[in-house]
Protein backbone atom coordinates (compact mmCIF):
# COMPACT_ATOMS: atom_id res chain seq x y z
CA GLY A 1 -15.82 -25.77 3.58
CA SER A 2 -13.37 -22.21 3.79
CA PHE A 3 -13.90 -18.72 4.13
CA GLN A 4 -13.59 -18.86 0.88
CA ASP A 5 -15.51 -20.75 -0.13
CA ALA A 6 -18.45 -19.49 1.21
CA GLY A 7 -18.31 -16.18 0.03
CA VAL A 8 -17.84 -14.65 3.76
CA ILE A 9 -16.08 -11.02 1.50
CA ARG A 10 -18.54 -10.49 -0.77
CA ARG A 11 -21.82 -11.42 2.28
CA ALA A 12 -19.81 -8.60 4.33
CA TYR A 13 -19.36 -5.91 1.77
CA ASP A 14 -23.21 -6.44 0.77
CA LEU A 15 -23.87 -6.61 4.61
CA ASN A 16 -22.51 -3.58 4.87
CA PHE A 17 -22.86 -1.28 1.91
CA PRO A 18 -26.23 -2.15 0.68
CA LEU A 19 -27.35 -1.66 -3.11
CA HIS A 20 -29.12 1.23 -3.26
CA VAL A 21 -32.19 1.11 -6.14
CA VAL A 22 -32.14 4.41 -8.84
CA PRO A 23 -35.39 4.30 -11.00
CA ALA A 24 -34.23 3.92 -14.43
CA SER A 25 -35.12 6.25 -17.68
CA CYS A 26 -36.07 2.90 -19.48
CA ALA A 27 -37.64 -0.09 -18.84
CA GLN A 28 -35.55 -2.36 -21.34
CA CYS A 29 -32.14 -0.37 -20.33
CA PRO A 30 -29.41 -3.07 -21.06
CA ALA A 31 -27.40 -4.40 -18.46
CA TRP A 32 -24.08 -1.92 -18.18
CA SER A 33 -21.52 -2.39 -15.82
CA ALA A 34 -18.05 0.09 -14.58
CA PHE A 35 -15.32 -2.33 -13.55
CA SER A 36 -15.52 -6.15 -13.16
CA VAL A 37 -13.05 -8.43 -11.57
CA SER A 38 -12.36 -11.66 -12.86
CA SER A 39 -11.56 -13.40 -9.73
CA PRO A 40 -13.50 -12.95 -7.04
CA ALA A 41 -10.42 -13.70 -4.85
CA ILE A 42 -9.97 -9.96 -5.79
CA VAL A 43 -11.70 -7.53 -3.66
CA LEU A 44 -12.49 -3.88 -6.07
CA GLU A 45 -12.86 -1.85 -3.11
CA ALA A 46 -12.47 2.34 -3.73
CA VAL A 47 -12.90 3.99 -7.70
CA LYS A 48 -11.99 7.59 -7.35
CA GLN A 49 -10.60 10.76 -9.78
CA ALA A 50 -7.53 10.10 -9.49
CA SER A 51 -5.00 13.39 -7.31
CA PRO A 52 -1.62 13.34 -8.06
CA GLY A 53 -0.38 15.98 -5.93
CA GLY A 54 -3.00 15.75 -3.45
CA ARG A 55 -5.53 17.75 -5.82
CA ALA A 56 -8.54 15.51 -8.00
CA GLU A 57 -8.26 18.55 -10.59
CA ASP A 58 -4.78 17.64 -11.66
CA ARG A 59 -6.06 14.98 -13.24
CA PRO A 60 -9.73 15.03 -14.07
CA ASP A 61 -9.32 12.75 -17.38
CA ALA A 62 -7.85 10.18 -14.64
CA LEU A 63 -9.37 7.40 -12.22
CA LEU A 64 -7.61 5.24 -9.35
CA VAL A 65 -8.82 2.14 -9.05
CA ARG A 66 -7.27 0.41 -5.91
CA LEU A 67 -8.33 -3.14 -5.68
CA TYR A 68 -6.52 -6.23 -3.14
CA GLU A 69 -6.10 -9.66 -2.87
CA ALA A 70 -8.42 -11.25 -0.30
CA HIS A 71 -7.75 -14.77 -0.53
CA GLY A 72 -4.31 -14.70 0.90
CA SER A 73 -2.91 -16.27 -2.45
CA THR A 74 -1.51 -15.37 -5.33
CA ILE A 75 -3.17 -15.33 -8.80
CA ASP A 76 -3.00 -13.75 -12.07
CA ALA A 77 -6.87 -11.73 -12.43
CA TRP A 78 -7.99 -8.65 -15.23
CA LEU A 79 -9.65 -5.76 -14.61
CA HIS A 80 -12.08 -4.73 -16.57
CA THR A 81 -13.88 -1.49 -17.58
CA SER A 82 -16.75 0.03 -20.05
CA PHE A 83 -15.18 3.41 -19.93
CA PRO A 84 -12.98 4.24 -22.60
CA VAL A 85 -9.36 3.78 -21.15
CA ARG A 86 -6.12 5.11 -23.17
CA GLU A 87 -3.97 4.04 -20.75
CA ALA A 88 -2.36 2.24 -17.43
CA MET A 89 -0.54 1.82 -14.84
CA LEU A 90 0.62 1.03 -11.49
CA CYS A 91 0.55 3.80 -9.02
CA ASP A 92 2.07 3.70 -5.23
CA LEU A 93 -0.09 4.51 -2.60
CA LEU A 94 0.25 8.26 -2.96
CA GLU A 95 -1.36 7.32 -6.85
CA GLN A 96 2.30 8.74 -7.96
CA PRO A 97 2.86 6.35 -11.13
CA THR A 98 6.13 3.48 -10.08
CA ALA A 99 8.65 2.06 -11.85
CA GLN A 100 6.57 -1.14 -13.78
CA GLY A 101 5.28 1.69 -15.88
CA ARG A 102 2.50 1.18 -17.92
CA LEU A 103 0.22 -1.90 -18.27
CA PRO A 104 -0.87 -3.14 -21.82
CA LEU A 105 -4.58 -2.65 -22.36
CA GLU A 106 -5.54 -6.41 -23.77
CA PRO A 107 -9.84 -7.02 -24.34
CA GLN A 108 -10.04 -9.46 -21.60
CA GLY A 109 -8.76 -5.15 -19.92
CA VAL A 110 -5.90 -4.58 -17.68
CA ARG A 111 -4.00 -8.62 -16.28
CA LEU A 112 -2.90 -7.49 -12.82
CA SER A 113 -1.04 -10.20 -10.23
CA PHE A 114 -1.35 -10.40 -6.60
CA THR A 115 0.40 -12.37 -4.35
CA PRO A 116 -1.50 -12.78 -0.52
CA PHE A 117 -4.02 -8.99 0.71
CA ARG A 118 -1.41 -7.07 -1.55
CA VAL A 119 -3.18 -4.23 -2.58
CA LEU A 120 -2.54 -2.10 -5.86
CA SER A 121 -3.29 0.84 -7.14
CA VAL A 122 -3.92 1.91 -11.15
CA LEU A 123 -4.17 4.53 -12.92
CA LEU A 124 -6.67 4.52 -16.35
CA VAL A 125 -6.01 7.64 -18.74
CA LEU A 126 -9.43 7.94 -20.52
CA ARG A 127 -10.04 8.72 -23.49
CA GLN A 128 -11.94 12.18 -23.75
């Protein structure tokens, strides 16, 4: 089959970035995920504190999420987060908001459109 069907990219990440076990404070803790993406073609590459102007302290209320399309396809995907997001917007690679402006927040999360191998940076401003 194809590398997409075989899940090569996910297996490569699993090999190169193994999970680290952290003891939980209780035996019956509910499952929780900070972020999820609706398509295996989309790789969530980085999550970091936003730093317009190059200084992280400029946006202590925001996270920057960088994703890319890895299968060479054109696809719409949903980015979902458990964090309380007040506003979402597309940014360039310098973390400056782009002309497309704000992205609508929907119950499924934030809808993102990808072309083959496209990198997207999304600024998520959190509620206080």
